[in-house]
């Protein structure tokens, strides 16, 4: 059993939360016509990375449920990368910003994959 007391103590959660908040701030500058499309989608997927981590933590009594929710989180992480590509190609964010965010999301992705591959370290 891990010494982590809460999902909020997980480094992967902290990194993903920070990224979601940064995306929220960046997306405030997106055009108004994107409000119900790209802006909404990138905010939703980036926030879902952390919400799925918190749900996984609640289900860590059962390895399969734990890994299932982490897999959902991983899917949301990949979706966020997709929306970052659109945001860059539509010229809403700079290429340098996209590159930095993708590098940080790569760290999140690697941590999620490690947790999925080693659930026994986290499950009770």
C-alpha atoms as a PDB file:
ATOM      1  CA  UNK A   1       0.000   0.000   0.000  1.00  0.00           C
ATOM      2  CA  UNK A   2       1.240   3.419  -0.902  1.00  0.00           C
ATOM      3  CA  UNK A   3       1.984   6.054   1.740  1.00  0.00           C
ATOM      4  CA  UNK A   4      -0.157   8.519  -0.210  1.00  0.00           C
ATOM      5  CA  UNK A   5      -3.132   9.625   1.870  1.00  0.00           C
ATOM      6  CA  UNK A   6      -5.243  11.231  -0.844  1.00  0.00           C
ATOM      7  CA  UNK A   7      -5.405  11.452  -4.611  1.00  0.00           C
ATOM      8  CA  UNK A   8      -4.388  15.091  -4.173  1.00  0.00           C
ATOM      9  CA  UNK A   9      -1.023  13.875  -2.856  1.00  0.00           C
ATOM     10  CA  UNK A  10      -0.273  12.074  -6.133  1.00  0.00           C
ATOM     11  CA  UNK A  11       2.313  13.908  -8.234  1.00  0.00           C
ATOM     12  CA  UNK A  12       0.469  12.872 -11.390  1.00  0.00           C
ATOM     13  CA  UNK A  13      -2.698  14.520 -10.058  1.00  0.00           C
ATOM     14  CA  UNK A  14      -0.827  17.693  -9.098  1.00  0.00           C
ATOM     15  CA  UNK A  15       0.851  17.974 -12.501  1.00  0.00           C
ATOM     16  CA  UNK A  16      -2.380  17.303 -14.397  1.00  0.00           C
ATOM     17  CA  UNK A  17      -4.299  19.799 -12.242  1.00  0.00           C
ATOM     18  CA  UNK A  18      -1.692  22.509 -12.874  1.00  0.00           C
ATOM     19  CA  UNK A  19      -1.890  21.829 -16.614  1.00  0.00           C
ATOM     20  CA  UNK A  20      -5.690  21.959 -16.622  1.00  0.00           C
ATOM     21  CA  UNK A  21      -5.592  25.328 -14.876  1.00  0.00           C
ATOM     22  CA  UNK A  22      -3.046  26.626 -17.377  1.00  0.00           C
ATOM     23  CA  UNK A  23      -5.209  25.451 -20.274  1.00  0.00           C
ATOM     24  CA  UNK A  24      -8.176  27.193 -18.682  1.00  0.00           C
ATOM     25  CA  UNK A  25      -6.238  30.469 -18.578  1.00  0.00           C
ATOM     26  CA  UNK A  26      -4.910  30.077 -22.122  1.00  0.00           C
ATOM     27  CA  UNK A  27      -8.336  29.165 -23.497  1.00  0.00           C
ATOM     28  CA  UNK A  28      -9.814  32.413 -22.167  1.00  0.00           C
ATOM     29  CA  UNK A  29      -8.124  34.029 -25.169  1.00  0.00           C
ATOM     30  CA  UNK A  30      -9.740  31.713 -27.731  1.00  0.00           C
ATOM     31  CA  UNK A  31     -12.255  33.373 -30.082  1.00  0.00           C
ATOM     32  CA  UNK A  32     -15.851  33.665 -28.928  1.00  0.00           C
ATOM     33  CA  UNK A  33     -17.037  31.407 -31.761  1.00  0.00           C
ATOM     34  CA  UNK A  34     -15.027  28.572 -30.168  1.00  0.00           C
ATOM     35  CA  UNK A  35     -16.814  28.847 -26.800  1.00  0.00           C
ATOM     36  CA  UNK A  36     -19.040  25.808 -27.317  1.00  0.00           C
ATOM     37  CA  UNK A  37     -16.569  23.798 -29.350  1.00  0.00           C
ATOM     38  CA  UNK A  38     -12.787  23.876 -28.976  1.00  0.00           C
ATOM     39  CA  UNK A  39     -12.726  25.934 -25.771  1.00  0.00           C
ATOM     40  CA  UNK A  40     -15.266  23.678 -24.089  1.00  0.00           C
ATOM     41  CA  UNK A  41     -13.628  20.476 -25.354  1.00  0.00           C
ATOM     42  CA  UNK A  42     -10.081  21.272 -24.273  1.00  0.00           C
ATOM     43  CA  UNK A  43     -11.219  22.470 -20.856  1.00  0.00           C
ATOM     44  CA  UNK A  44     -13.371  19.378 -20.355  1.00  0.00           C
ATOM     45  CA  UNK A  45     -10.736  16.855 -21.396  1.00  0.00           C
ATOM     46  CA  UNK A  46      -7.919  18.500 -19.416  1.00  0.00           C
ATOM     47  CA  UNK A  47     -10.090  18.571 -16.282  1.00  0.00           C
ATOM     48  CA  UNK A  48     -11.209  14.995 -16.849  1.00  0.00           C
ATOM     49  CA  UNK A  49      -7.625  13.777 -16.527  1.00  0.00           C
ATOM     50  CA  UNK A  50      -7.706  14.728 -12.838  1.00  0.00           C
ATOM     51  CA  UNK A  51     -11.311  13.756 -12.200  1.00  0.00           C
ATOM     52  CA  UNK A  52     -10.628  10.243 -13.477  1.00  0.00           C
ATOM     53  CA  UNK A  53      -7.549  10.028 -11.242  1.00  0.00           C
ATOM     54  CA  UNK A  54      -9.684  10.938  -8.240  1.00  0.00           C
ATOM     55  CA  UNK A  55     -12.286   8.343  -9.218  1.00  0.00           C
ATOM     56  CA  UNK A  56      -9.557   5.723  -9.639  1.00  0.00           C
ATOM     57  CA  UNK A  57      -8.276   6.519  -6.177  1.00  0.00           C
ATOM     58  CA  UNK A  58     -11.742   5.947  -4.732  1.00  0.00           C
ATOM     59  CA  UNK A  59     -11.884   2.558  -6.459  1.00  0.00           C
ATOM     60  CA  UNK A  60      -8.409   1.340  -5.530  1.00  0.00           C
ATOM     61  CA  UNK A  61      -9.864  -1.459  -3.443  1.00  0.00           C
ATOM     62  CA  UNK A  62     -10.341  -3.303  -6.736  1.00  0.00           C
ATOM     63  CA  UNK A  63      -7.405  -3.373  -9.156  1.00  0.00           C
ATOM     64  CA  UNK A  64      -9.552  -3.748 -12.280  1.00  0.00           C
ATOM     65  CA  UNK A  65     -11.779  -0.784 -11.360  1.00  0.00           C
ATOM     66  CA  UNK A  66      -8.695   1.251 -10.446  1.00  0.00           C
ATOM     67  CA  UNK A  67      -6.939   0.546 -13.745  1.00  0.00           C
ATOM     68  CA  UNK A  68     -10.139   1.111 -15.711  1.00  0.00           C
ATOM     69  CA  UNK A  69     -10.516   4.643 -14.340  1.00  0.00           C
ATOM     70  CA  UNK A  70      -6.822   5.340 -14.906  1.00  0.00           C
ATOM     71  CA  UNK A  71      -7.285   4.163 -18.496  1.00  0.00           C
ATOM     72  CA  UNK A  72     -10.100   6.702 -18.803  1.00  0.00           C
ATOM     73  CA  UNK A  73      -7.715   9.356 -17.476  1.00  0.00           C
ATOM     74  CA  UNK A  74      -5.132   8.319 -20.060  1.00  0.00           C
ATOM     75  CA  UNK A  75      -7.748   8.640 -22.792  1.00  0.00           C
ATOM     76  CA  UNK A  76      -8.592  12.157 -21.631  1.00  0.00           C
ATOM     77  CA  UNK A  77      -4.891  13.018 -21.619  1.00  0.00           C
ATOM     78  CA  UNK A  78      -4.573  11.916 -25.255  1.00  0.00           C
ATOM     79  CA  UNK A  79      -7.718  13.852 -26.144  1.00  0.00           C
ATOM     80  CA  UNK A  80      -6.239  16.975 -24.584  1.00  0.00           C
ATOM     81  CA  UNK A  81      -3.135  16.536 -26.748  1.00  0.00           C
ATOM     82  CA  UNK A  82      -5.429  16.377 -29.779  1.00  0.00           C
ATOM     83  CA  UNK A  83      -7.134  19.643 -28.831  1.00  0.00           C
ATOM     84  CA  UNK A  84      -3.734  21.268 -28.274  1.00  0.00           C
ATOM     85  CA  UNK A  85      -2.880  20.367 -31.882  1.00  0.00           C
ATOM     86  CA  UNK A  86      -6.074  22.038 -33.098  1.00  0.00           C
ATOM     87  CA  UNK A  87      -5.430  25.064 -30.882  1.00  0.00           C
ATOM     88  CA  UNK A  88      -1.994  25.490 -32.427  1.00  0.00           C
ATOM     89  CA  UNK A  89      -3.071  24.856 -36.003  1.00  0.00           C
ATOM     90  CA  UNK A  90      -5.915  27.365 -35.606  1.00  0.00           C
ATOM     91  CA  UNK A  91      -3.287  29.820 -34.309  1.00  0.00           C
ATOM     92  CA  UNK A  92      -4.908  30.221 -30.882  1.00  0.00           C
ATOM     93  CA  UNK A  93      -1.717  29.217 -29.088  1.00  0.00           C
ATOM     94  CA  UNK A  94       1.933  29.572 -30.020  1.00  0.00           C
ATOM     95  CA  UNK A  95       3.878  26.523 -31.199  1.00  0.00           C
ATOM     96  CA  UNK A  96       6.308  26.967 -28.286  1.00  0.00           C
ATOM     97  CA  UNK A  97       3.436  26.837 -25.798  1.00  0.00           C
ATOM     98  CA  UNK A  98       2.052  23.710 -27.430  1.00  0.00           C
ATOM     99  CA  UNK A  99       5.471  22.021 -27.380  1.00  0.00           C
ATOM    100  CA  UNK A 100       5.926  22.802 -23.681  1.00  0.00           C
ATOM    101  CA  UNK A 101       2.431  21.633 -22.747  1.00  0.00           C
ATOM    102  CA  UNK A 102       2.814  18.415 -24.742  1.00  0.00           C
ATOM    103  CA  UNK A 103       6.109  17.713 -22.992  1.00  0.00           C
ATOM    104  CA  UNK A 104       4.447  18.186 -19.599  1.00  0.00           C
ATOM    105  CA  UNK A 105       1.520  15.984 -20.650  1.00  0.00           C
ATOM    106  CA  UNK A 106       4.032  13.337 -21.715  1.00  0.00           C
ATOM    107  CA  UNK A 107       5.186  13.203 -18.072  1.00  0.00           C
ATOM    108  CA  UNK A 108       1.583  12.796 -16.925  1.00  0.00           C
ATOM    109  CA  UNK A 109       1.021  10.072 -19.513  1.00  0.00           C
ATOM    110  CA  UNK A 110       4.115   8.130 -18.402  1.00  0.00           C
ATOM    111  CA  UNK A 111       2.998   8.297 -14.767  1.00  0.00           C
ATOM    112  CA  UNK A 112      -0.499   7.101 -15.628  1.00  0.00           C
ATOM    113  CA  UNK A 113       0.885   4.207 -17.663  1.00  0.00           C
ATOM    114  CA  UNK A 114       3.171   3.249 -14.789  1.00  0.00           C
ATOM    115  CA  UNK A 115       0.220   3.236 -12.380  1.00  0.00           C
ATOM    116  CA  UNK A 116      -1.878   1.182 -14.806  1.00  0.00           C
ATOM    117  CA  UNK A 117       0.955  -1.325 -15.233  1.00  0.00           C
ATOM    118  CA  UNK A 118       1.628  -1.561 -11.473  1.00  0.00           C
ATOM    119  CA  UNK A 119      -1.753  -1.272  -9.716  1.00  0.00           C
ATOM    120  CA  UNK A 120      -0.586  -3.398  -6.779  1.00  0.00           C
ATOM    121  CA  UNK A 121       1.548  -0.450  -5.600  1.00  0.00           C
ATOM    122  CA  UNK A 122      -1.581   1.678  -5.221  1.00  0.00           C
ATOM    123  CA  UNK A 123      -4.458  -0.654  -4.436  1.00  0.00           C
ATOM    124  CA  UNK A 124      -5.405  -1.706  -0.927  1.00  0.00           C
END
